C-alpha cells in the first residue's frame, strides 16, 4: 500500500459502503478524495470535508457544519467539515454524496462546453489572440465565423494592430478547423489575393502584392 492510500485508508473505508471505491491524490496540503475522477472531498489530519451540492448547504449549516476557509482552495469549491457524529453515521446522509457527485459532473460538462465555445479553443488561436480579437468586438466563435477572416483582419489594421499574413492564415484556419501548416499554397495565395482586394476597397493599401 502506498503512502497516500495508507494515510487515507480510514476515510476511504468509511466511504466504501456509501459510494464504493474511492481514490486519493495530494491536493495542496490536503488529500483530495475522488470518485470516478471527480474530487468530492478533502482529507487532512483526520478531518474530512465534503463538497456539498448547493441544495444541501442550508441543511449542513443548520447541523453546525462549517465551511473550509483556506486561501489556497478556490471560493467556487466550498467544502464543509463533516463532524464525527455525522461521519460515523454516513448512511443517513447518502444523498449528500450522490447529489455532490451529480453536481460536480454537471458542472464539469458545462465547463467543457463553455471552453469549446471560446475563441482560444479553435485551431491556431490562443488566449493572447482571443484578447486581440475582442478589441474589434469578436467575443465568440460565432462572431468570428459570421464576420470572416478578411473583415476581421481589416478591422484590426484600422485600429492600429500590427498584423501580417500569418494572422490571416491563422484566422482562416480557425474558422475552417484547419491548422495553419495544413493549408495549401493555393489556399494561401487565394486568401492573400482576396484580402488585397478587400483592403483596396476599404481605402487601405494592398499588403501582399499578390497576382
N, C-alpha and C. Protein backbone atom coordinates (compact mmCIF):
# COMPACT_ATOMS: atom_id res chain seq x y z
N UNK A 1 0.85 -1.19 0.00
CA UNK A 1 0.00 0.00 0.00
C UNK A 1 0.89 1.25 0.00
N UNK A 2 0.64 2.18 -0.94
CA UNK A 2 1.48 3.36 -0.99
C UNK A 2 1.12 4.34 0.13
N UNK A 3 1.94 5.36 0.27
CA UNK A 3 1.79 6.29 1.39
C UNK A 3 0.43 6.99 1.38
N UNK A 4 -0.01 7.47 0.23
CA UNK A 4 -1.29 8.20 0.15
C UNK A 4 -2.45 7.29 0.54
N UNK A 5 -2.46 6.08 0.03
CA UNK A 5 -3.54 5.14 0.37
C UNK A 5 -3.54 4.82 1.86
N UNK A 6 -2.35 4.70 2.40
CA UNK A 6 -2.24 4.39 3.83
C UNK A 6 -2.78 5.55 4.68
N UNK A 7 -2.43 6.78 4.29
CA UNK A 7 -2.86 7.96 5.05
C UNK A 7 -4.36 8.21 4.95
N UNK A 8 -4.98 7.74 3.89
CA UNK A 8 -6.42 8.00 3.68
C UNK A 8 -7.26 6.74 3.85
N UNK A 9 -6.67 5.67 4.35
CA UNK A 9 -7.38 4.40 4.47
C UNK A 9 -8.64 4.53 5.32
N UNK A 10 -8.56 5.24 6.45
CA UNK A 10 -9.70 5.34 7.36
C UNK A 10 -10.91 5.99 6.69
N UNK A 11 -10.68 7.12 6.02
CA UNK A 11 -11.82 7.82 5.41
C UNK A 11 -12.36 7.03 4.22
N UNK A 12 -11.49 6.41 3.45
CA UNK A 12 -11.96 5.65 2.30
C UNK A 12 -12.73 4.40 2.75
N UNK A 13 -12.35 3.87 3.91
CA UNK A 13 -13.08 2.73 4.46
C UNK A 13 -14.49 3.15 4.89
N UNK A 14 -14.61 4.33 5.49
CA UNK A 14 -15.92 4.84 5.89
C UNK A 14 -16.80 5.12 4.68
N UNK A 15 -16.18 5.56 3.59
CA UNK A 15 -16.94 5.93 2.40
C UNK A 15 -17.33 4.72 1.55
N UNK A 16 -16.64 3.61 1.74
CA UNK A 16 -16.84 2.43 0.88
C UNK A 16 -18.29 1.97 0.80
N UNK A 17 -19.00 1.80 1.92
CA UNK A 17 -20.40 1.35 1.80
C UNK A 17 -21.35 2.43 1.30
N UNK A 18 -20.89 3.67 1.25
CA UNK A 18 -21.75 4.77 0.83
C UNK A 18 -21.67 4.99 -0.68
N UNK A 19 -20.45 5.06 -1.22
CA UNK A 19 -20.30 5.33 -2.66
C UNK A 19 -19.33 4.39 -3.35
N UNK A 20 -18.87 3.37 -2.66
CA UNK A 20 -17.97 2.41 -3.28
C UNK A 20 -16.51 2.85 -3.22
N UNK A 21 -15.72 2.27 -4.07
CA UNK A 21 -14.28 2.53 -4.07
C UNK A 21 -13.97 3.99 -4.41
N UNK A 22 -13.02 4.57 -3.69
CA UNK A 22 -12.57 5.93 -3.97
C UNK A 22 -11.05 5.93 -4.08
N UNK A 23 -10.53 7.01 -4.63
CA UNK A 23 -9.08 7.18 -4.76
C UNK A 23 -8.67 8.48 -4.09
N UNK A 24 -7.40 8.56 -3.75
CA UNK A 24 -6.88 9.77 -3.11
C UNK A 24 -5.65 10.26 -3.85
N UNK A 25 -5.55 11.59 -3.93
CA UNK A 25 -4.38 12.24 -4.52
C UNK A 25 -4.04 13.46 -3.68
N UNK A 26 -2.80 13.87 -3.71
CA UNK A 26 -2.44 15.10 -2.99
C UNK A 26 -3.08 16.30 -3.66
N UNK A 27 -3.54 17.23 -2.84
CA UNK A 27 -4.18 18.46 -3.33
C UNK A 27 -3.79 19.57 -2.37
N UNK A 28 -2.79 20.37 -2.76
CA UNK A 28 -2.18 21.34 -1.86
C UNK A 28 -1.71 20.58 -0.60
N UNK A 29 -2.11 21.03 0.56
CA UNK A 29 -1.68 20.35 1.79
C UNK A 29 -2.69 19.30 2.24
N UNK A 30 -3.66 19.00 1.38
CA UNK A 30 -4.72 18.04 1.71
C UNK A 30 -4.55 16.79 0.84
N UNK A 31 -5.41 15.82 1.12
CA UNK A 31 -5.60 14.71 0.19
C UNK A 31 -6.96 14.91 -0.47
N UNK A 32 -6.98 14.95 -1.77
CA UNK A 32 -8.26 15.01 -2.49
C UNK A 32 -8.84 13.62 -2.59
N UNK A 33 -10.14 13.49 -2.32
CA UNK A 33 -10.81 12.19 -2.40
C UNK A 33 -11.67 12.18 -3.66
N UNK A 34 -11.43 11.17 -4.50
CA UNK A 34 -12.04 11.11 -5.83
C UNK A 34 -12.93 9.89 -6.00
N UNK A 35 -13.99 10.10 -6.77
CA UNK A 35 -14.84 9.01 -7.23
C UNK A 35 -15.03 9.20 -8.73
N UNK A 36 -14.59 8.24 -9.53
CA UNK A 36 -14.69 8.34 -10.99
C UNK A 36 -14.08 9.65 -11.50
N UNK A 37 -12.90 9.98 -11.01
CA UNK A 37 -12.15 11.18 -11.41
C UNK A 37 -12.82 12.49 -11.01
N UNK A 38 -13.79 12.44 -10.14
CA UNK A 38 -14.44 13.64 -9.62
C UNK A 38 -14.00 13.85 -8.17
N UNK A 39 -13.40 14.98 -7.86
CA UNK A 39 -12.96 15.23 -6.49
C UNK A 39 -14.13 15.82 -5.70
N UNK A 40 -14.61 15.05 -4.75
CA UNK A 40 -15.77 15.48 -3.97
C UNK A 40 -15.42 15.77 -2.52
N UNK A 41 -14.19 15.44 -2.09
CA UNK A 41 -13.85 15.64 -0.68
C UNK A 41 -12.38 15.96 -0.48
N UNK A 42 -12.09 16.50 0.68
CA UNK A 42 -10.72 16.76 1.11
C UNK A 42 -10.51 16.11 2.47
N UNK A 43 -9.30 15.64 2.69
CA UNK A 43 -9.00 14.96 3.95
C UNK A 43 -7.65 15.43 4.45
N UNK A 44 -7.60 15.75 5.75
CA UNK A 44 -6.35 16.22 6.34
C UNK A 44 -6.38 16.02 7.84
N UNK A 45 -5.39 15.35 8.35
CA UNK A 45 -5.22 15.16 9.79
C UNK A 45 -6.50 14.65 10.46
N UNK A 46 -7.12 13.67 9.84
CA UNK A 46 -8.30 13.03 10.41
C UNK A 46 -9.60 13.79 10.18
N UNK A 47 -9.55 14.92 9.47
CA UNK A 47 -10.75 15.71 9.21
C UNK A 47 -11.16 15.55 7.75
N UNK A 48 -12.47 15.35 7.54
CA UNK A 48 -13.00 15.16 6.19
C UNK A 48 -13.94 16.30 5.83
N UNK A 49 -13.72 16.87 4.64
CA UNK A 49 -14.53 17.98 4.14
C UNK A 49 -15.22 17.53 2.86
N UNK A 50 -16.52 17.73 2.81
CA UNK A 50 -17.31 17.30 1.65
C UNK A 50 -17.71 18.52 0.82
N UNK A 51 -17.58 18.39 -0.49
CA UNK A 51 -18.08 19.43 -1.40
C UNK A 51 -19.57 19.20 -1.59
N UNK A 52 -20.35 19.93 -0.85
CA UNK A 52 -21.79 19.73 -0.86
C UNK A 52 -22.43 20.31 -2.13
N UNK A 53 -23.50 19.64 -2.58
CA UNK A 53 -24.33 20.23 -3.62
C UNK A 53 -25.02 21.46 -3.04
N UNK A 54 -25.30 22.42 -3.88
CA UNK A 54 -25.87 23.68 -3.41
C UNK A 54 -27.15 23.48 -2.60
N UNK A 55 -27.95 22.50 -3.00
CA UNK A 55 -29.24 22.29 -2.33
C UNK A 55 -29.09 21.77 -0.90
N UNK A 56 -27.90 21.23 -0.58
CA UNK A 56 -27.70 20.64 0.74
C UNK A 56 -26.95 21.56 1.71
N UNK A 57 -26.51 22.70 1.25
CA UNK A 57 -25.70 23.58 2.09
C UNK A 57 -26.48 24.09 3.30
N UNK A 58 -27.72 24.51 3.09
CA UNK A 58 -28.52 25.05 4.20
C UNK A 58 -28.71 24.04 5.30
N UNK A 59 -29.00 22.80 4.92
CA UNK A 59 -29.19 21.74 5.91
C UNK A 59 -27.90 21.50 6.69
N UNK A 60 -26.78 21.49 5.96
CA UNK A 60 -25.49 21.25 6.61
C UNK A 60 -25.17 22.34 7.62
N UNK A 61 -25.41 23.58 7.24
CA UNK A 61 -25.15 24.69 8.15
C UNK A 61 -26.03 24.61 9.39
N UNK A 62 -27.29 24.18 9.17
CA UNK A 62 -28.21 24.05 10.31
C UNK A 62 -27.75 22.97 11.29
N UNK A 63 -26.94 22.04 10.79
CA UNK A 63 -26.39 20.98 11.64
C UNK A 63 -25.05 21.38 12.25
N UNK A 64 -24.66 22.62 12.01
CA UNK A 64 -23.44 23.14 12.62
C UNK A 64 -22.19 22.92 11.81
N UNK A 65 -22.32 22.48 10.58
CA UNK A 65 -21.14 22.23 9.76
C UNK A 65 -20.54 23.55 9.28
N UNK A 66 -19.23 23.63 9.30
CA UNK A 66 -18.52 24.86 8.95
C UNK A 66 -17.83 24.71 7.60
N UNK A 67 -17.83 25.81 6.85
CA UNK A 67 -17.16 25.83 5.55
C UNK A 67 -15.65 25.93 5.75
N UNK A 68 -14.91 25.20 4.95
CA UNK A 68 -13.45 25.27 5.00
C UNK A 68 -12.98 26.63 4.50
N UNK A 69 -12.19 27.31 5.31
CA UNK A 69 -11.61 28.59 4.92
C UNK A 69 -10.12 28.37 4.69
N UNK A 70 -9.74 28.42 3.45
CA UNK A 70 -8.33 28.22 3.09
C UNK A 70 -8.07 29.00 1.81
N UNK A 71 -7.17 29.97 1.82
CA UNK A 71 -6.95 30.81 0.64
C UNK A 71 -6.46 30.04 -0.57
N UNK A 72 -5.92 28.84 -0.36
CA UNK A 72 -5.44 28.04 -1.48
C UNK A 72 -6.57 27.30 -2.18
N UNK A 73 -7.71 27.20 -1.51
CA UNK A 73 -8.85 26.49 -2.10
C UNK A 73 -9.78 27.52 -2.72
N UNK A 74 -10.13 27.30 -3.97
CA UNK A 74 -10.96 28.27 -4.68
C UNK A 74 -12.28 28.50 -3.97
N UNK A 75 -12.73 29.75 -4.01
CA UNK A 75 -14.01 30.08 -3.38
C UNK A 75 -15.18 29.39 -4.07
N UNK A 76 -14.97 28.97 -5.31
CA UNK A 76 -16.04 28.26 -6.02
C UNK A 76 -16.12 26.80 -5.60
N UNK A 77 -15.13 26.34 -4.86
CA UNK A 77 -15.15 24.97 -4.35
C UNK A 77 -15.34 25.01 -2.84
N UNK A 78 -16.57 25.01 -2.40
CA UNK A 78 -16.88 25.15 -0.99
C UNK A 78 -17.01 23.77 -0.34
N UNK A 79 -16.06 23.48 0.51
CA UNK A 79 -16.05 22.21 1.22
C UNK A 79 -16.48 22.43 2.67
N UNK A 80 -17.24 21.49 3.21
CA UNK A 80 -17.78 21.62 4.56
C UNK A 80 -17.27 20.48 5.44
N UNK A 81 -16.82 20.85 6.63
CA UNK A 81 -16.29 19.86 7.57
C UNK A 81 -17.41 18.96 8.07
N UNK A 82 -17.21 17.66 7.91
CA UNK A 82 -18.17 16.68 8.42
C UNK A 82 -17.78 16.32 9.85
N UNK A 83 -18.59 16.69 10.85
CA UNK A 83 -18.23 16.38 12.25
C UNK A 83 -18.32 14.87 12.50
N UNK A 84 -17.63 14.43 13.52
CA UNK A 84 -17.56 13.00 13.82
C UNK A 84 -18.92 12.30 13.95
N UNK A 85 -19.92 12.91 14.65
CA UNK A 85 -21.21 12.21 14.76
C UNK A 85 -21.84 11.89 13.41
N UNK A 86 -21.67 12.80 12.45
CA UNK A 86 -22.21 12.55 11.10
C UNK A 86 -21.28 11.60 10.34
N UNK A 87 -19.98 11.79 10.51
CA UNK A 87 -19.01 10.97 9.79
C UNK A 87 -19.18 9.49 10.10
N UNK A 88 -19.58 9.18 11.31
CA UNK A 88 -19.75 7.78 11.69
C UNK A 88 -21.20 7.33 11.56
N UNK A 89 -22.00 8.13 10.85
CA UNK A 89 -23.39 7.76 10.57
C UNK A 89 -23.73 8.18 9.14
N UNK A 90 -22.78 7.93 8.23
CA UNK A 90 -22.91 8.45 6.87
C UNK A 90 -24.10 7.88 6.11
N UNK A 91 -24.55 6.69 6.48
CA UNK A 91 -25.66 6.09 5.74
C UNK A 91 -26.91 6.96 5.79
N UNK A 92 -27.02 7.79 6.81
CA UNK A 92 -28.17 8.70 6.91
C UNK A 92 -28.07 9.84 5.90
N UNK A 93 -26.85 10.09 5.43
CA UNK A 93 -26.61 11.25 4.58
C UNK A 93 -26.09 10.84 3.20
N UNK A 94 -26.47 9.66 2.75
CA UNK A 94 -26.02 9.16 1.45
C UNK A 94 -26.35 10.13 0.33
N UNK A 95 -27.51 10.75 0.41
CA UNK A 95 -27.94 11.65 -0.67
C UNK A 95 -27.00 12.85 -0.82
N UNK A 96 -26.32 13.23 0.27
CA UNK A 96 -25.35 14.32 0.15
C UNK A 96 -24.27 13.96 -0.86
N UNK A 97 -23.84 12.71 -0.82
CA UNK A 97 -22.75 12.28 -1.67
C UNK A 97 -23.20 12.10 -3.12
N UNK A 98 -24.35 11.51 -3.31
CA UNK A 98 -24.84 11.32 -4.67
C UNK A 98 -25.15 12.67 -5.32
N UNK A 99 -25.72 13.59 -4.54
CA UNK A 99 -26.02 14.92 -5.08
C UNK A 99 -24.73 15.69 -5.38
N UNK A 100 -23.74 15.54 -4.52
CA UNK A 100 -22.46 16.21 -4.73
C UNK A 100 -21.81 15.74 -6.02
N UNK A 101 -21.73 14.44 -6.22
CA UNK A 101 -21.10 13.90 -7.41
C UNK A 101 -21.87 14.29 -8.67
N UNK A 102 -23.20 14.29 -8.58
CA UNK A 102 -24.01 14.66 -9.74
C UNK A 102 -23.78 16.12 -10.12
N UNK A 103 -23.70 17.00 -9.11
CA UNK A 103 -23.49 18.42 -9.39
C UNK A 103 -22.09 18.67 -9.94
N UNK A 104 -21.08 17.99 -9.39
CA UNK A 104 -19.71 18.16 -9.88
C UNK A 104 -19.62 17.72 -11.34
N UNK A 105 -20.24 16.59 -11.66
CA UNK A 105 -20.23 16.09 -13.03
C UNK A 105 -20.93 17.07 -13.97
N UNK A 106 -22.08 17.58 -13.54
CA UNK A 106 -22.82 18.54 -14.35
C UNK A 106 -22.00 19.80 -14.60
N UNK A 107 -21.34 20.30 -13.57
CA UNK A 107 -20.52 21.50 -13.72
C UNK A 107 -19.32 21.24 -14.64
N UNK A 108 -18.79 20.05 -14.55
CA UNK A 108 -17.65 19.67 -15.41
C UNK A 108 -18.06 19.68 -16.87
N UNK A 109 -19.23 19.13 -17.16
CA UNK A 109 -19.73 19.10 -18.54
C UNK A 109 -20.01 20.52 -19.04
N UNK A 110 -20.61 21.34 -18.18
CA UNK A 110 -20.92 22.73 -18.57
C UNK A 110 -19.64 23.51 -18.86
N UNK A 111 -18.61 23.30 -18.03
CA UNK A 111 -17.34 23.99 -18.24
C UNK A 111 -16.70 23.55 -19.54
N UNK A 112 -16.78 22.27 -19.84
CA UNK A 112 -16.22 21.75 -21.09
C UNK A 112 -16.91 22.39 -22.29
N UNK A 113 -18.23 22.47 -22.24
CA UNK A 113 -18.98 23.07 -23.34
C UNK A 113 -18.64 24.55 -23.49
N UNK A 114 -18.49 25.23 -22.36
CA UNK A 114 -18.15 26.64 -22.38
C UNK A 114 -16.78 26.86 -23.02
N UNK A 115 -15.82 26.03 -22.64
CA UNK A 115 -14.48 26.17 -23.20
C UNK A 115 -14.45 25.88 -24.69
N UNK A 116 -15.30 24.93 -25.13
CA UNK A 116 -15.35 24.60 -26.54
C UNK A 116 -15.86 25.78 -27.37
N UNK A 117 -16.60 26.69 -26.73
CA UNK A 117 -17.14 27.85 -27.43
C UNK A 117 -16.21 29.05 -27.36
N UNK A 118 -15.12 28.93 -26.62
CA UNK A 118 -14.19 30.03 -26.52
C UNK A 118 -13.32 30.12 -27.77
N UNK A 119 -12.96 31.33 -28.17
CA UNK A 119 -12.15 31.54 -29.36
C UNK A 119 -10.82 30.80 -29.25
N UNK A 120 -10.25 30.81 -28.06
CA UNK A 120 -8.93 30.18 -27.88
C UNK A 120 -8.96 28.67 -28.12
N UNK A 121 -10.16 28.07 -28.15
CA UNK A 121 -10.27 26.63 -28.36
C UNK A 121 -10.12 26.26 -29.84
N UNK A 122 -10.18 27.25 -30.73
CA UNK A 122 -10.09 26.98 -32.16
C UNK A 122 -8.65 26.71 -32.57
N UNK A 123 -8.45 25.97 -33.68
CA UNK A 123 -7.09 25.73 -34.18
C UNK A 123 -6.35 27.05 -34.43
N UNK A 124 -5.08 27.08 -34.09
CA UNK A 124 -4.16 28.21 -34.32
C UNK A 124 -4.30 29.37 -33.34
N UNK A 125 -5.37 29.39 -32.55
CA UNK A 125 -5.62 30.55 -31.70
C UNK A 125 -5.25 30.26 -30.25
N UNK A 126 -5.07 31.32 -29.47
CA UNK A 126 -4.71 31.20 -28.06
C UNK A 126 -5.29 32.37 -27.29
N UNK A 127 -4.97 32.44 -26.02
CA UNK A 127 -5.55 33.48 -25.16
C UNK A 127 -5.16 34.88 -25.64
N UNK A 128 -3.91 35.07 -26.05
CA UNK A 128 -3.48 36.40 -26.50
C UNK A 128 -4.23 36.85 -27.74
N UNK A 129 -4.42 35.92 -28.70
CA UNK A 129 -5.18 36.27 -29.90
C UNK A 129 -6.65 36.49 -29.58
N UNK A 130 -7.16 35.74 -28.63
CA UNK A 130 -8.54 35.95 -28.20
C UNK A 130 -8.72 37.37 -27.68
N UNK A 131 -7.78 37.84 -26.89
CA UNK A 131 -7.84 39.20 -26.36
C UNK A 131 -7.71 40.24 -27.46
N UNK A 132 -6.86 39.95 -28.43
CA UNK A 132 -6.71 40.87 -29.56
C UNK A 132 -8.01 40.99 -30.34
N UNK A 133 -8.65 39.87 -30.60
CA UNK A 133 -9.90 39.87 -31.37
C UNK A 133 -11.02 40.60 -30.64
N UNK A 134 -11.00 40.58 -29.33
CA UNK A 134 -12.02 41.28 -28.57
C UNK A 134 -11.95 42.79 -28.79
N UNK A 135 -10.81 43.29 -29.23
CA UNK A 135 -10.65 44.72 -29.49
C UNK A 135 -11.47 45.16 -30.70
N UNK A 136 -11.86 44.20 -31.55
CA UNK A 136 -12.75 44.53 -32.68
C UNK A 136 -14.09 43.81 -32.51
N UNK A 137 -14.46 43.60 -31.24
CA UNK A 137 -15.78 43.06 -30.87
C UNK A 137 -16.02 41.64 -31.38
N UNK A 138 -14.96 40.85 -31.46
CA UNK A 138 -15.11 39.43 -31.73
C UNK A 138 -15.02 38.72 -30.38
N UNK A 139 -16.17 38.40 -29.83
CA UNK A 139 -16.23 37.88 -28.45
C UNK A 139 -16.60 36.40 -28.39
N UNK A 140 -16.86 35.80 -29.52
CA UNK A 140 -17.25 34.39 -29.52
C UNK A 140 -16.86 33.75 -30.83
N UNK A 141 -16.90 32.44 -30.86
CA UNK A 141 -16.64 31.70 -32.10
C UNK A 141 -17.63 32.12 -33.17
N UNK A 142 -18.88 32.31 -32.77
CA UNK A 142 -19.92 32.69 -33.72
C UNK A 142 -19.62 34.05 -34.34
N UNK A 143 -19.13 34.99 -33.53
CA UNK A 143 -18.77 36.32 -34.06
C UNK A 143 -17.70 36.20 -35.12
N UNK A 144 -16.68 35.38 -34.86
CA UNK A 144 -15.58 35.22 -35.80
C UNK A 144 -16.05 34.61 -37.11
N UNK A 145 -16.86 33.57 -37.01
CA UNK A 145 -17.35 32.89 -38.21
C UNK A 145 -18.24 33.83 -39.02
N UNK A 146 -19.10 34.57 -38.33
CA UNK A 146 -20.03 35.47 -39.03
C UNK A 146 -19.29 36.57 -39.79
N UNK A 147 -18.26 37.14 -39.18
CA UNK A 147 -17.55 38.26 -39.82
C UNK A 147 -16.55 37.78 -40.85
N UNK A 148 -15.90 36.66 -40.58
CA UNK A 148 -14.93 36.14 -41.53
C UNK A 148 -13.54 36.70 -41.33
N UNK A 149 -12.56 35.92 -41.78
CA UNK A 149 -11.17 36.26 -41.50
C UNK A 149 -10.72 37.57 -42.17
N UNK A 150 -11.21 37.85 -43.38
CA UNK A 150 -10.75 39.04 -44.10
C UNK A 150 -11.25 40.31 -43.44
N UNK A 151 -12.52 40.37 -43.11
CA UNK A 151 -13.07 41.56 -42.46
C UNK A 151 -12.43 41.79 -41.09
N UNK A 152 -12.22 40.72 -40.36
CA UNK A 152 -11.57 40.84 -39.04
C UNK A 152 -10.16 41.38 -39.21
N UNK A 153 -9.44 40.85 -40.18
CA UNK A 153 -8.07 41.29 -40.46
C UNK A 153 -8.04 42.79 -40.77
N UNK A 154 -8.96 43.25 -41.60
CA UNK A 154 -9.01 44.67 -41.97
C UNK A 154 -9.37 45.54 -40.77
N UNK A 155 -10.29 45.09 -39.95
CA UNK A 155 -10.68 45.87 -38.78
C UNK A 155 -9.51 46.01 -37.79
N UNK A 156 -8.71 44.97 -37.68
CA UNK A 156 -7.53 45.05 -36.81
C UNK A 156 -6.54 46.09 -37.34
N UNK A 157 -6.37 46.13 -38.65
CA UNK A 157 -5.50 47.13 -39.25
C UNK A 157 -6.02 48.54 -38.96
N UNK A 158 -7.32 48.72 -39.08
CA UNK A 158 -7.92 50.04 -38.90
C UNK A 158 -7.73 50.59 -37.50
N UNK A 159 -7.63 49.71 -36.50
CA UNK A 159 -7.43 50.21 -35.14
C UNK A 159 -5.96 50.23 -34.75
N UNK A 160 -5.10 49.96 -35.73
CA UNK A 160 -3.67 50.10 -35.48
C UNK A 160 -2.96 48.87 -34.97
N UNK A 161 -3.58 47.71 -35.07
CA UNK A 161 -2.91 46.48 -34.65
C UNK A 161 -1.96 46.02 -35.75
N UNK A 162 -0.75 45.67 -35.37
CA UNK A 162 0.26 45.21 -36.32
C UNK A 162 -0.03 43.76 -36.69
N UNK A 163 -0.49 43.53 -37.90
CA UNK A 163 -0.85 42.18 -38.33
C UNK A 163 -0.08 41.83 -39.60
N UNK A 164 0.03 40.54 -39.87
CA UNK A 164 0.70 40.10 -41.10
C UNK A 164 -0.03 38.88 -41.66
N UNK A 165 0.52 38.33 -42.72
CA UNK A 165 -0.15 37.22 -43.40
C UNK A 165 -0.37 36.01 -42.49
N UNK A 166 0.54 35.80 -41.52
CA UNK A 166 0.40 34.62 -40.66
C UNK A 166 -0.89 34.68 -39.84
N UNK A 167 -1.25 35.89 -39.38
CA UNK A 167 -2.50 36.01 -38.63
C UNK A 167 -3.70 35.73 -39.54
N UNK A 168 -3.62 36.21 -40.76
CA UNK A 168 -4.69 35.95 -41.71
C UNK A 168 -4.87 34.45 -41.92
N UNK A 169 -3.77 33.73 -42.08
CA UNK A 169 -3.84 32.28 -42.25
C UNK A 169 -4.40 31.60 -41.00
N UNK A 170 -3.99 32.11 -39.83
CA UNK A 170 -4.48 31.53 -38.58
C UNK A 170 -5.99 31.70 -38.44
N UNK A 171 -6.49 32.88 -38.80
CA UNK A 171 -7.92 33.14 -38.70
C UNK A 171 -8.70 32.26 -39.68
N UNK A 172 -8.19 32.16 -40.90
CA UNK A 172 -8.83 31.31 -41.90
C UNK A 172 -8.88 29.86 -41.40
N UNK A 173 -7.74 29.39 -40.90
CA UNK A 173 -7.68 28.02 -40.40
C UNK A 173 -8.61 27.79 -39.22
N UNK A 174 -8.69 28.78 -38.32
CA UNK A 174 -9.56 28.66 -37.15
C UNK A 174 -11.01 28.50 -37.57
N UNK A 175 -11.43 29.31 -38.54
CA UNK A 175 -12.82 29.26 -39.00
C UNK A 175 -13.12 27.95 -39.72
N UNK A 176 -12.14 27.45 -40.43
CA UNK A 176 -12.34 26.23 -41.23
C UNK A 176 -11.80 24.97 -40.55
N UNK A 177 -11.46 25.10 -39.27
CA UNK A 177 -10.99 23.96 -38.47
C UNK A 177 -9.78 23.28 -39.12
N UNK A 178 -8.81 24.11 -39.51
CA UNK A 178 -7.56 23.62 -40.07
C UNK A 178 -6.38 24.28 -39.37
N UNK A 179 -5.38 23.50 -39.09
CA UNK A 179 -4.15 24.09 -38.56
C UNK A 179 -3.39 24.74 -39.71
N UNK A 180 -2.68 25.80 -39.38
CA UNK A 180 -2.05 26.63 -40.41
C UNK A 180 -1.11 25.83 -41.30
N UNK A 181 -0.43 24.83 -40.74
CA UNK A 181 0.54 24.07 -41.53
C UNK A 181 -0.13 23.12 -42.52
N UNK A 182 -1.46 22.95 -42.43
CA UNK A 182 -2.16 22.08 -43.38
C UNK A 182 -2.73 22.86 -44.56
N UNK A 183 -2.62 24.18 -44.54
CA UNK A 183 -3.18 24.98 -45.64
C UNK A 183 -2.32 24.83 -46.89
N UNK A 184 -2.96 24.65 -48.02
CA UNK A 184 -2.22 24.51 -49.27
C UNK A 184 -1.70 25.87 -49.72
N UNK A 185 -0.69 25.85 -50.59
CA UNK A 185 -0.15 27.10 -51.12
C UNK A 185 -1.19 27.83 -51.95
N UNK A 186 -2.03 27.10 -52.66
CA UNK A 186 -3.09 27.74 -53.44
C UNK A 186 -4.08 28.45 -52.54
N UNK A 187 -4.47 27.79 -51.44
CA UNK A 187 -5.39 28.41 -50.50
C UNK A 187 -4.80 29.70 -49.95
N UNK A 188 -3.53 29.68 -49.63
CA UNK A 188 -2.87 30.87 -49.09
C UNK A 188 -2.83 31.98 -50.13
N UNK A 189 -2.47 31.64 -51.39
CA UNK A 189 -2.41 32.66 -52.44
C UNK A 189 -3.78 33.27 -52.69
N UNK A 190 -4.80 32.43 -52.74
CA UNK A 190 -6.15 32.92 -52.97
C UNK A 190 -6.59 33.85 -51.84
N UNK A 191 -6.22 33.49 -50.63
CA UNK A 191 -6.60 34.29 -49.48
C UNK A 191 -5.89 35.64 -49.49
N UNK A 192 -4.63 35.66 -49.87
CA UNK A 192 -3.90 36.92 -49.95
C UNK A 192 -4.48 37.82 -51.04
N UNK A 193 -4.85 37.21 -52.16
CA UNK A 193 -5.46 37.98 -53.25
C UNK A 193 -6.78 38.59 -52.80
N UNK A 194 -7.62 37.79 -52.18
CA UNK A 194 -8.91 38.27 -51.69
C UNK A 194 -8.73 39.40 -50.68
N UNK A 195 -7.74 39.26 -49.81
CA UNK A 195 -7.51 40.26 -48.78
C UNK A 195 -6.99 41.56 -49.38
N UNK A 196 -6.09 41.46 -50.35
CA UNK A 196 -5.60 42.67 -51.01
C UNK A 196 -6.74 43.44 -51.67
N UNK A 197 -7.63 42.72 -52.33
CA UNK A 197 -8.77 43.36 -52.98
C UNK A 197 -9.67 44.04 -51.94
N UNK A 198 -9.89 43.36 -50.82
CA UNK A 198 -10.74 43.92 -49.76
C UNK A 198 -10.07 45.14 -49.13
N UNK A 199 -8.77 45.10 -48.98
CA UNK A 199 -8.04 46.25 -48.44
C UNK A 199 -8.18 47.46 -49.36
N UNK A 200 -8.04 47.22 -50.65
CA UNK A 200 -8.15 48.30 -51.64
C UNK A 200 -9.55 48.92 -51.60
N UNK A 201 -10.57 48.05 -51.54
CA UNK A 201 -11.95 48.53 -51.50
C UNK A 201 -12.24 49.31 -50.21
N UNK A 202 -11.50 48.99 -49.14
CA UNK A 202 -11.69 49.68 -47.86
C UNK A 202 -10.87 50.96 -47.79
N UNK A 203 -10.17 51.30 -48.89
CA UNK A 203 -9.37 52.51 -48.90
C UNK A 203 -8.02 52.36 -48.24
N UNK A 204 -7.55 51.13 -48.10
CA UNK A 204 -6.25 50.86 -47.49
C UNK A 204 -5.30 50.32 -48.54
N UNK A 205 -4.03 50.44 -48.30
CA UNK A 205 -3.04 49.96 -49.26
C UNK A 205 -3.00 48.42 -49.25
N UNK A 206 -2.72 47.89 -50.43
CA UNK A 206 -2.53 46.45 -50.52
C UNK A 206 -1.28 46.07 -49.76
N UNK A 207 -1.27 44.89 -49.17
CA UNK A 207 -0.13 44.47 -48.35
C UNK A 207 0.66 43.33 -48.96
N UNK A 208 0.07 42.59 -49.84
CA UNK A 208 0.70 41.34 -50.23
C UNK A 208 1.13 41.31 -51.70
N UNK A 209 0.67 42.32 -52.48
CA UNK A 209 1.06 42.41 -53.89
C UNK A 209 0.86 41.09 -54.61
N UNK A 210 -0.20 40.40 -54.23
CA UNK A 210 -0.46 39.10 -54.84
C UNK A 210 -0.98 39.29 -56.27
N UNK A 211 -0.69 38.36 -57.12
CA UNK A 211 -1.10 38.45 -58.53
C UNK A 211 -2.20 37.44 -58.81
